[in-house]
Protein backbone atom coordinates (compact mmCIF):
# COMPACT_ATOMS: atom_id res chain seq x y z
CA MET A 1 -0.27 0.16 -0.01
CA ASN A 2 1.57 3.31 -0.73
CA MET A 3 1.58 6.42 1.17
CA LYS A 4 -0.85 8.52 -0.21
CA TRP A 5 -3.28 5.39 -0.40
CA LYS A 6 -2.71 4.98 3.30
CA ILE A 7 -2.91 8.70 4.02
CA SER A 8 -6.45 8.83 2.10
CA VAL A 9 -7.90 5.82 4.00
CA LEU A 10 -6.90 7.19 7.26
CA PHE A 11 -8.59 10.79 6.53
CA GLY A 12 -11.79 8.94 4.83
CA ALA A 13 -11.88 6.99 8.42
CA LEU A 14 -11.37 10.64 10.12
CA LEU A 15 -13.57 12.22 7.93
CA ALA A 16 -16.35 9.72 8.67
CA VAL A 17 -16.35 10.20 12.30
CA ALA A 18 -16.07 13.89 12.09
CA PHE A 19 -18.97 13.95 9.61
CA VAL A 20 -21.12 11.51 11.79
CA ASN A 21 -20.27 13.39 15.07
CA ALA A 22 -21.05 16.55 13.60
CA GLU A 23 -24.60 15.48 12.88
CA ASP A 24 -24.38 14.59 17.08
CA LYS A 25 -24.94 10.60 16.19
CA ALA A 26 -22.61 8.30 17.64
CA PRO A 27 -20.59 6.62 14.61
CA GLN A 28 -20.78 2.17 14.67
CA ALA A 29 -18.74 -0.12 13.29
CA LEU A 30 -17.57 -0.15 9.56
CA GLU A 31 -20.29 -2.23 7.87
CA GLN A 32 -19.25 -3.10 4.71
CA ILE A 33 -16.51 -2.58 1.87
CA ILE A 34 -17.36 -2.82 -1.54
CA LEU A 35 -14.71 -2.65 -4.54
CA PHE A 36 -16.08 -2.13 -8.12
CA LYS A 37 -14.87 -1.36 -11.47
CA VAL A 38 -15.90 1.40 -13.19
CA GLN A 39 -15.73 0.90 -16.98
CA ALA A 40 -14.73 3.94 -18.76
CA ARG A 41 -16.50 3.19 -21.79
CA PRO A 42 -20.29 2.72 -20.97
CA GLU A 43 -22.40 6.01 -21.72
CA LYS A 44 -24.97 5.01 -18.97
CA TRP A 45 -24.54 4.89 -15.26
CA GLN A 46 -23.08 1.92 -14.26
CA PHE A 47 -24.71 0.42 -10.68
CA SER A 48 -21.93 -0.40 -8.12
CA GLY A 49 -23.87 -2.86 -6.16
CA ALA A 50 -24.16 -0.21 -3.12
CA GLU A 51 -27.26 0.88 -1.88
CA LEU A 52 -27.01 3.48 0.93
CA LYS A 53 -29.92 3.01 3.57
CA PRO A 54 -30.85 5.55 6.06
CA GLY A 55 -28.52 5.96 8.95
CA GLU A 56 -25.55 5.07 6.66
CA MET A 57 -22.99 6.86 5.02
CA ALA A 58 -20.19 5.79 2.63
CA THR A 59 -16.53 7.26 1.74
CA ILE A 60 -15.49 6.73 -2.00
CA THR A 61 -11.92 6.47 -3.33
CA ALA A 62 -10.54 5.39 -6.80
CA GLU A 63 -7.30 4.11 -8.21
CA GLY A 64 -5.97 3.49 -11.66
CA LYS A 65 -5.96 5.19 -14.65
CA TRP A 66 -8.20 5.12 -17.62
CA PHE A 67 -8.42 6.74 -21.10
CA VAL A 68 -11.36 8.99 -21.54
CA VAL A 69 -9.87 12.34 -22.20
CA GLY A 70 -6.28 11.51 -22.40
CA ARG A 71 -5.09 8.74 -19.77
CA SER A 72 -5.79 10.02 -16.37
CA GLY A 73 -7.24 9.01 -12.94
CA ALA A 74 -10.37 9.68 -11.17
CA GLY A 75 -9.66 13.56 -11.39
CA GLY A 76 -9.80 13.43 -14.76
CA SER A 77 -7.47 16.11 -17.11
CA GLY A 78 -7.59 18.71 -14.92
CA ARG A 79 -9.51 20.91 -17.50
CA MET A 80 -12.81 22.23 -17.72
CA PRO A 81 -15.39 21.69 -20.71
CA ALA A 82 -15.82 24.46 -22.57
CA PRO A 83 -19.21 25.85 -22.20
CA ASP A 84 -20.46 24.78 -25.27
CA GLN A 85 -19.53 21.26 -25.10
CA ASN A 86 -22.18 18.76 -23.94
CA TYR A 87 -20.47 16.94 -21.39
CA VAL A 88 -22.35 14.98 -18.79
CA PHE A 89 -21.41 16.90 -15.59
CA PRO A 90 -20.04 20.34 -17.22
CA THR A 91 -18.72 22.04 -13.89
CA GLY A 92 -16.57 18.70 -13.48
CA TYR A 93 -12.99 18.19 -15.46
CA LYS A 94 -12.83 16.59 -18.67
CA GLY A 95 -12.55 12.70 -17.88
CA CYS A 96 -13.30 12.68 -14.16
CA LEU A 97 -15.17 9.94 -12.25
CA LEU A 98 -18.67 10.92 -11.40
CA VAL A 99 -20.77 9.61 -8.61
CA ARG A 100 -24.63 9.92 -8.34
CA ILE A 101 -27.38 8.56 -5.89
CA ALA A 102 -30.27 6.84 -7.05
CA ASP A 103 -30.69 8.49 -10.55
CA ARG A 104 -31.00 11.84 -8.85
CA PRO A 105 -29.07 14.70 -11.04
CA GLU A 106 -28.89 16.89 -7.80
CA THR A 107 -26.58 14.43 -6.11
CA VAL A 108 -23.79 14.11 -8.69
CA ARG A 109 -20.37 14.65 -7.46
CA ALA A 110 -17.08 15.00 -9.31
CA PHE A 111 -14.19 13.51 -8.37
CA ARG A 112 -11.08 16.76 -8.39
CA LYS A 113 -8.25 14.92 -7.92
CA ASP A 114 -6.98 11.10 -8.23
CA ASP A 115 -6.60 10.65 -4.30
CA GLU A 116 -9.58 12.43 -3.34
CA LEU A 117 -12.24 10.93 -0.98
CA VAL A 118 -15.86 11.57 -1.92
CA PRO A 119 -18.38 11.24 1.19
CA VAL A 120 -21.86 10.33 0.25
CA ASN A 121 -24.43 10.72 2.92
CA VAL A 122 -27.81 10.46 0.81
CA PRO A 123 -29.98 7.04 0.65
CA GLY A 124 -30.15 5.22 -2.51
CA ARG A 125 -27.93 3.04 -4.94
CA ILE A 126 -24.38 4.54 -5.77
CA GLU A 127 -23.77 4.93 -9.81
CA PHE A 128 -20.67 5.97 -11.36
CA LEU A 129 -19.81 7.24 -14.99
CA ALA A 130 -16.93 8.61 -16.68
CA ASN A 131 -17.45 12.50 -17.48
CA ASP A 132 -17.43 12.88 -21.41
CA GLU A 133 -19.30 14.58 -23.94
CA ASP A 134 -22.35 13.19 -25.41
CA PRO A 135 -21.33 11.38 -28.81
CA GLY A 136 -23.02 13.34 -30.98
CA SER A 137 -21.63 16.84 -29.78
CA HIS A 138 -18.95 18.54 -32.01
CA GLY A 139 -18.56 15.64 -34.03
CA GLY A 140 -16.82 13.80 -30.86
CA LYS A 141 -16.24 10.45 -30.33
CA GLY A 142 -17.88 10.50 -26.76
CA TYR A 143 -17.35 7.24 -25.17
CA LYS A 144 -16.48 5.17 -28.50
CA ASP A 145 -12.96 5.91 -27.78
CA ASN A 146 -12.79 5.16 -24.19
CA HIS A 147 -10.95 2.12 -22.51
CA ASP A 148 -9.90 0.78 -19.05
CA PHE A 149 -11.33 1.18 -15.56
CA LEU A 150 -11.07 2.49 -12.38
CA THR A 151 -11.23 0.21 -9.26
CA VAL A 152 -13.71 2.24 -6.64
CA THR A 153 -13.46 1.41 -3.06
CA ILE A 154 -16.71 2.28 -0.93
CA ARG A 155 -16.81 2.00 2.36
CA ILE A 156 -20.19 1.97 4.26
CA ILE A 157 -20.63 3.04 7.99
CA LYS A 158 -23.83 2.80 9.85
CA TYR A 159 -24.88 5.57 12.37
CA GLY A 160 -27.19 6.16 14.78
CA LYS A 161 -27.91 7.79 17.91
């Protein structure tokens, strides 16, 4: 395990405890860890197999490199899409990993860095997608030229009074 990963895991655990305590609820034991490969090519949201119930939260990290807009990790290219480009999440970097809960657009979160930890506290199915342009926009290839995958780790924590 490299140092960045260890720090990320430790930070995630501390963030989870801080988040739960901020809600004035006592954290309980780690309930579940799910590993999921997010493919770069599908144009549809990919269900991870993880579904949060009320009273649960998750922290999400990602490892690996994929080819979406060049070769990158979860943080994407570091470049924002042009205003006229038709990206899934226009305020996220090109090629970044997107997280969504239960088919609700208002819950979409974008990874900004490869080693970022993304907390989720909304009940529902956890889904992922690469931030790429719609295949028909600007004559671009969209998802057709994407390949490889990122491996996400979802840590689900149950909390309560």
